[in-house]
Amino acid sequence: MYKSSSFTFLFKYIIPGANILVVIFLLTLFFGNENTVEADFYIRQPMLLFMLASCATTILFIKIQSAEATEEHILVKIPFSPTKIIQYEDIEWVYQIALLSPSLTVVKYKDKITKKHHWFLITSVELNDFGLGKDNEMTQFIRSQIMLANPNYKKENEPNKWKPMIIVFGTLFLAQIILFNIF
């Protein structure tokens, strides 16, 4: 049995809350600052990039759930709601995002009742090599349980573990180019 990190509360509520407060503060500085044009360029560009990165991490961290992987299923503990049981045969894929430590494991499943696809993130207790090598023990355990419950599951069908980081860095790079040309 594997449990998500005890820092799940910190990642899900505290960090996004702090990000929102920082973005609000930066927005008040951004629109209320009476600096010269030259100073605006050097102040506003990093502020906008930081706000973009804060919004992206806030959206990502809100999807983190407290979970427990057992031999039979995954128990997802959602605050103010009953615990959700996800059977391994309902899981479409699982993978660990690269370049993050502590690691984030992404689980996508299909709800039997609503027939909708959902996904959530699980934080791992163990620190890793930023996802450059093998997956953490919890991700490996969940994947092995999925393979036992669903013989048609193939690791090759999982999304690329680098895709989220490529999107984040690509977005920041494009924002840098756009902001450099606008200001």
C-alpha atoms as a PDB file:
ATOM      1  CA  MET A   1       0.000   0.000   0.000  1.00  0.00           C
ATOM      2  CA  TYR A   2       1.261   3.465  -0.927  1.00  0.00           C
ATOM      3  CA  LYS A   3       0.027   6.825   0.288  1.00  0.00           C
ATOM      4  CA  SER A   4       0.443  10.266  -1.191  1.00  0.00           C
ATOM      5  CA  SER A   5       2.736  12.707   0.539  1.00  0.00           C
ATOM      6  CA  SER A   6       1.715  14.428   3.761  1.00  0.00           C
ATOM      7  CA  PHE A   7       2.572  17.675   1.945  1.00  0.00           C
ATOM      8  CA  THR A   8      -0.513  17.295  -0.268  1.00  0.00           C
ATOM      9  CA  PHE A   9      -2.363  19.928   1.781  1.00  0.00           C
ATOM     10  CA  LEU A  10       0.542  22.347   1.325  1.00  0.00           C
ATOM     11  CA  PHE A  11       0.692  21.790  -2.455  1.00  0.00           C
ATOM     12  CA  LYS A  12      -3.091  21.866  -2.958  1.00  0.00           C
ATOM     13  CA  TYR A  13      -4.097  24.810  -0.761  1.00  0.00           C
ATOM     14  CA  ILE A  14      -1.219  26.841   0.692  1.00  0.00           C
ATOM     15  CA  ILE A  15       0.977  27.295  -2.403  1.00  0.00           C
ATOM     16  CA  PRO A  16      -1.915  28.163  -4.772  1.00  0.00           C
ATOM     17  CA  GLY A  17      -3.319  30.566  -2.157  1.00  0.00           C
ATOM     18  CA  ALA A  18       0.062  32.255  -1.811  1.00  0.00           C
ATOM     19  CA  ASN A  19       0.378  32.375  -5.621  1.00  0.00           C
ATOM     20  CA  ILE A  20      -2.989  34.114  -5.928  1.00  0.00           C
ATOM     21  CA  LEU A  21      -2.016  36.687  -3.294  1.00  0.00           C
ATOM     22  CA  VAL A  22       1.315  37.352  -5.026  1.00  0.00           C
ATOM     23  CA  VAL A  23      -0.416  37.742  -8.406  1.00  0.00           C
ATOM     24  CA  ILE A  24      -2.906  40.218  -6.911  1.00  0.00           C
ATOM     25  CA  PHE A  25      -0.036  42.155  -5.343  1.00  0.00           C
ATOM     26  CA  LEU A  26       1.897  42.192  -8.635  1.00  0.00           C
ATOM     27  CA  LEU A  27      -1.194  43.313 -10.534  1.00  0.00           C
ATOM     28  CA  THR A  28      -1.587  46.277  -8.197  1.00  0.00           C
ATOM     29  CA  LEU A  29       2.065  47.145  -8.764  1.00  0.00           C
ATOM     30  CA  PHE A  30       1.736  46.579 -12.499  1.00  0.00           C
ATOM     31  CA  PHE A  31      -1.216  48.910 -12.981  1.00  0.00           C
ATOM     32  CA  GLY A  32      -0.532  51.351 -10.161  1.00  0.00           C
ATOM     33  CA  ASN A  33       3.152  51.991 -10.748  1.00  0.00           C
ATOM     34  CA  GLU A  34       4.121  55.471 -12.023  1.00  0.00           C
ATOM     35  CA  ASN A  35       7.647  54.697 -13.243  1.00  0.00           C
ATOM     36  CA  THR A  36       9.450  55.900 -16.322  1.00  0.00           C
ATOM     37  CA  VAL A  37       9.109  53.964 -19.576  1.00  0.00           C
ATOM     38  CA  GLU A  38      12.608  52.511 -19.249  1.00  0.00           C
ATOM     39  CA  ALA A  39      11.965  51.253 -15.712  1.00  0.00           C
ATOM     40  CA  ASP A  40       8.595  49.816 -16.753  1.00  0.00           C
ATOM     41  CA  PHE A  41      10.268  47.508 -19.269  1.00  0.00           C
ATOM     42  CA  TYR A  42      12.621  46.006 -16.696  1.00  0.00           C
ATOM     43  CA  ILE A  43       9.990  45.734 -13.976  1.00  0.00           C
ATOM     44  CA  ARG A  44       6.836  44.709 -15.828  1.00  0.00           C
ATOM     45  CA  GLN A  45       8.290  41.998 -18.038  1.00  0.00           C
ATOM     46  CA  PRO A  46       9.511  39.761 -15.174  1.00  0.00           C
ATOM     47  CA  MET A  47       6.310  40.522 -13.266  1.00  0.00           C
ATOM     48  CA  LEU A  48       4.172  39.268 -16.143  1.00  0.00           C
ATOM     49  CA  LEU A  49       6.288  36.146 -16.546  1.00  0.00           C
ATOM     50  CA  PHE A  50       6.064  35.416 -12.832  1.00  0.00           C
ATOM     51  CA  MET A  51       2.285  35.955 -12.894  1.00  0.00           C
ATOM     52  CA  LEU A  52       1.964  33.561 -15.842  1.00  0.00           C
ATOM     53  CA  ALA A  53       4.062  30.930 -14.069  1.00  0.00           C
ATOM     54  CA  SER A  54       2.064  31.420 -10.841  1.00  0.00           C
ATOM     55  CA  CYS A  55      -1.231  30.941 -12.656  1.00  0.00           C
ATOM     56  CA  ALA A  56       0.049  27.793 -14.372  1.00  0.00           C
ATOM     57  CA  THR A  57       1.296  26.209 -11.131  1.00  0.00           C
ATOM     58  CA  THR A  58      -1.910  27.157  -9.334  1.00  0.00           C
ATOM     59  CA  ILE A  59      -4.013  25.399 -11.973  1.00  0.00           C
ATOM     60  CA  LEU A  60      -1.732  22.362 -11.786  1.00  0.00           C
ATOM     61  CA  PHE A  61      -1.622  22.194  -7.974  1.00  0.00           C
ATOM     62  CA  ILE A  62      -5.406  22.389  -7.621  1.00  0.00           C
ATOM     63  CA  LYS A  63      -5.622  18.957  -9.304  1.00  0.00           C
ATOM     64  CA  ILE A  64      -3.494  17.321  -6.565  1.00  0.00           C
ATOM     65  CA  GLN A  65      -5.448  14.835  -4.479  1.00  0.00           C
ATOM     66  CA  SER A  66      -4.668  12.869  -1.363  1.00  0.00           C
ATOM     67  CA  ALA A  67      -4.684   9.227  -2.410  1.00  0.00           C
ATOM     68  CA  GLU A  68      -3.892   5.750  -1.198  1.00  0.00           C
ATOM     69  CA  ALA A  69      -3.006   2.954  -3.614  1.00  0.00           C
ATOM     70  CA  THR A  70      -3.935  -0.493  -2.328  1.00  0.00           C
ATOM     71  CA  GLU A  71      -3.825  -3.916  -3.971  1.00  0.00           C
ATOM     72  CA  GLU A  72      -7.477  -3.627  -5.108  1.00  0.00           C
ATOM     73  CA  HIS A  73      -8.008   0.061  -5.979  1.00  0.00           C
ATOM     74  CA  ILE A  74      -7.007   3.691  -5.412  1.00  0.00           C
ATOM     75  CA  LEU A  75      -8.787   5.618  -2.684  1.00  0.00           C
ATOM     76  CA  VAL A  76      -8.978   9.331  -3.466  1.00  0.00           C
ATOM     77  CA  LYS A  77      -9.781  11.463  -0.444  1.00  0.00           C
ATOM     78  CA  ILE A  78     -11.597  14.621  -1.529  1.00  0.00           C
ATOM     79  CA  PRO A  79     -12.314  17.201   1.203  1.00  0.00           C
ATOM     80  CA  PHE A  80     -16.011  17.614   2.090  1.00  0.00           C
ATOM     81  CA  SER A  81     -16.919  14.667  -0.158  1.00  0.00           C
ATOM     82  CA  PRO A  82     -17.020  10.913   0.276  1.00  0.00           C
ATOM     83  CA  THR A  83     -13.849   9.008  -0.536  1.00  0.00           C
ATOM     84  CA  LYS A  84     -13.782   8.051  -4.214  1.00  0.00           C
ATOM     85  CA  ILE A  85     -12.776   4.501  -5.122  1.00  0.00           C
ATOM     86  CA  ILE A  86     -11.075   4.091  -8.485  1.00  0.00           C
ATOM     87  CA  GLN A  87     -10.702   0.557  -9.744  1.00  0.00           C
ATOM     88  CA  TYR A  88      -7.484  -0.243 -11.600  1.00  0.00           C
ATOM     89  CA  GLU A  89      -9.365  -1.504 -14.663  1.00  0.00           C
ATOM     90  CA  ASP A  90     -10.946   1.990 -15.032  1.00  0.00           C
ATOM     91  CA  ILE A  91      -7.560   3.722 -15.243  1.00  0.00           C
ATOM     92  CA  GLU A  92      -6.549   4.663 -18.772  1.00  0.00           C
ATOM     93  CA  TRP A  93      -2.972   5.642 -18.012  1.00  0.00           C
ATOM     94  CA  VAL A  94      -0.565   6.675 -15.300  1.00  0.00           C
ATOM     95  CA  TYR A  95       2.764   8.465 -15.622  1.00  0.00           C
ATOM     96  CA  GLN A  96       5.195  10.546 -13.624  1.00  0.00           C
ATOM     97  CA  ILE A  97       5.975  14.104 -14.731  1.00  0.00           C
ATOM     98  CA  ALA A  98       9.685  14.650 -15.412  1.00  0.00           C
ATOM     99  CA  LEU A  99      11.813  17.386 -13.798  1.00  0.00           C
ATOM    100  CA  LEU A 100       9.834  17.595 -10.556  1.00  0.00           C
ATOM    101  CA  SER A 101      10.885  16.591  -7.082  1.00  0.00           C
ATOM    102  CA  PRO A 102       8.934  15.575  -5.034  1.00  0.00           C
ATOM    103  CA  SER A 103       7.379  13.794  -7.957  1.00  0.00           C
ATOM    104  CA  LEU A 104       3.876  14.185  -9.328  1.00  0.00           C
ATOM    105  CA  THR A 105       2.076  11.141 -10.703  1.00  0.00           C
ATOM    106  CA  VAL A 106      -0.767  11.767 -13.146  1.00  0.00           C
ATOM    107  CA  VAL A 107      -3.672   9.311 -13.186  1.00  0.00           C
ATOM    108  CA  LYS A 108      -6.387   9.427 -15.865  1.00  0.00           C
ATOM    109  CA  TYR A 109      -9.483   7.275 -15.459  1.00  0.00           C
ATOM    110  CA  LYS A 110     -12.992   6.894 -16.808  1.00  0.00           C
ATOM    111  CA  ASP A 111     -15.887   7.254 -14.389  1.00  0.00           C
ATOM    112  CA  LYS A 112     -18.223   4.266 -14.844  1.00  0.00           C
ATOM    113  CA  ILE A 113     -21.322   6.201 -13.816  1.00  0.00           C
ATOM    114  CA  THR A 114     -20.919   9.431 -15.813  1.00  0.00           C
ATOM    115  CA  LYS A 115     -18.762   7.896 -18.592  1.00  0.00           C
ATOM    116  CA  LYS A 116     -16.525  10.992 -18.362  1.00  0.00           C
ATOM    117  CA  HIS A 117     -12.745  11.051 -18.265  1.00  0.00           C
ATOM    118  CA  HIS A 118     -11.078  12.598 -15.221  1.00  0.00           C
ATOM    119  CA  TRP A 119      -7.487  13.051 -14.124  1.00  0.00           C
ATOM    120  CA  PHE A 120      -5.743  13.959 -10.900  1.00  0.00           C
ATOM    121  CA  LEU A 121      -2.247  14.269  -9.484  1.00  0.00           C
ATOM    122  CA  ILE A 122      -0.654  12.405  -6.600  1.00  0.00           C
ATOM    123  CA  THR A 123       2.408  13.694  -4.784  1.00  0.00           C
ATOM    124  CA  SER A 124       4.996  11.156  -3.751  1.00  0.00           C
ATOM    125  CA  VAL A 125       6.722  11.018  -0.393  1.00  0.00           C
ATOM    126  CA  GLU A 126      10.071  10.088  -1.856  1.00  0.00           C
ATOM    127  CA  LEU A 127      12.440  12.562  -3.443  1.00  0.00           C
ATOM    128  CA  ASN A 128      13.721  11.384  -6.784  1.00  0.00           C
ATOM    129  CA  ASP A 129      16.150  12.201  -9.540  1.00  0.00           C
ATOM    130  CA  PHE A 130      13.701  14.701 -11.093  1.00  0.00           C
ATOM    131  CA  GLY A 131      12.107  11.966 -13.187  1.00  0.00           C
ATOM    132  CA  LEU A 132      15.197  11.557 -15.340  1.00  0.00           C
ATOM    133  CA  GLY A 133      15.570   7.882 -14.492  1.00  0.00           C
ATOM    134  CA  LYS A 134      12.986   5.383 -13.365  1.00  0.00           C
ATOM    135  CA  ASP A 135       9.559   6.189 -11.975  1.00  0.00           C
ATOM    136  CA  ASN A 136       9.010   6.326  -8.223  1.00  0.00           C
ATOM    137  CA  GLU A 137       7.761   3.273  -6.332  1.00  0.00           C
ATOM    138  CA  MET A 138       4.155   4.458  -6.121  1.00  0.00           C
ATOM    139  CA  THR A 139       3.893   5.026  -9.889  1.00  0.00           C
ATOM    140  CA  GLN A 140       5.473   1.622 -10.561  1.00  0.00           C
ATOM    141  CA  PHE A 141       3.062  -0.036  -8.097  1.00  0.00           C
ATOM    142  CA  ILE A 142      -0.017   1.612  -9.654  1.00  0.00           C
ATOM    143  CA  ARG A 143       1.168   0.691 -13.165  1.00  0.00           C
ATOM    144  CA  SER A 144       1.752  -2.948 -12.163  1.00  0.00           C
ATOM    145  CA  GLN A 145      -1.726  -3.134 -10.586  1.00  0.00           C
ATOM    146  CA  ILE A 146      -3.269  -1.668 -13.746  1.00  0.00           C
ATOM    147  CA  MET A 147      -1.460  -4.285 -15.852  1.00  0.00           C
ATOM    148  CA  LEU A 148      -2.809  -7.038 -13.610  1.00  0.00           C
ATOM    149  CA  ALA A 149      -6.382  -5.701 -13.827  1.00  0.00           C
ATOM    150  CA  ASN A 150      -6.216  -4.810 -17.522  1.00  0.00           C
ATOM    151  CA  PRO A 151      -3.998  -7.078 -19.660  1.00  0.00           C
ATOM    152  CA  ASN A 152      -4.473  -4.766 -22.680  1.00  0.00           C
ATOM    153  CA  TYR A 153      -2.745  -1.868 -20.895  1.00  0.00           C
ATOM    154  CA  LYS A 154       0.525  -0.868 -22.546  1.00  0.00           C
ATOM    155  CA  LYS A 155       3.127   1.495 -21.131  1.00  0.00           C
ATOM    156  CA  GLU A 156       3.757   2.754 -24.672  1.00  0.00           C
ATOM    157  CA  ASN A 157       0.267   4.347 -24.704  1.00  0.00           C
ATOM    158  CA  GLU A 158       1.108   6.593 -21.760  1.00  0.00           C
ATOM    159  CA  PRO A 159       1.723  10.276 -22.520  1.00  0.00           C
ATOM    160  CA  ASN A 160       5.275  11.499 -22.710  1.00  0.00           C
ATOM    161  CA  LYS A 161       6.567  12.335 -19.227  1.00  0.00           C
ATOM    162  CA  TRP A 162       8.333  15.388 -20.703  1.00  0.00           C
ATOM    163  CA  LYS A 163       5.218  16.889 -22.309  1.00  0.00           C
ATOM    164  CA  PRO A 164       4.054  18.979 -19.284  1.00  0.00           C
ATOM    165  CA  MET A 165       7.507  20.515 -18.826  1.00  0.00           C
ATOM    166  CA  ILE A 166       7.847  21.212 -22.548  1.00  0.00           C
ATOM    167  CA  ILE A 167       4.484  23.004 -22.445  1.00  0.00           C
ATOM    168  CA  VAL A 168       5.460  25.043 -19.361  1.00  0.00           C
ATOM    169  CA  PHE A 169       8.894  26.065 -20.648  1.00  0.00           C
ATOM    170  CA  GLY A 170       7.559  26.613 -24.179  1.00  0.00           C
ATOM    171  CA  THR A 171       4.796  28.872 -22.866  1.00  0.00           C
ATOM    172  CA  LEU A 172       7.253  30.870 -20.792  1.00  0.00           C
ATOM    173  CA  PHE A 173       9.601  31.134 -23.770  1.00  0.00           C
ATOM    174  CA  LEU A 174       6.795  32.359 -26.055  1.00  0.00           C
ATOM    175  CA  ALA A 175       5.614  34.785 -23.380  1.00  0.00           C
ATOM    176  CA  GLN A 176       9.164  36.121 -23.117  1.00  0.00           C
ATOM    177  CA  ILE A 177       9.320  36.684 -26.891  1.00  0.00           C
ATOM    178  CA  ILE A 178       5.890  38.329 -26.994  1.00  0.00           C
ATOM    179  CA  LEU A 179       6.555  40.538 -23.984  1.00  0.00           C
ATOM    180  CA  PHE A 180       9.967  41.512 -25.318  1.00  0.00           C
ATOM    181  CA  ASN A 181       8.362  42.687 -28.551  1.00  0.00           C
ATOM    182  CA  ILE A 182       5.413  44.467 -26.918  1.00  0.00           C
ATOM    183  CA  PHE A 183       7.258  46.507 -24.306  1.00  0.00           C
END
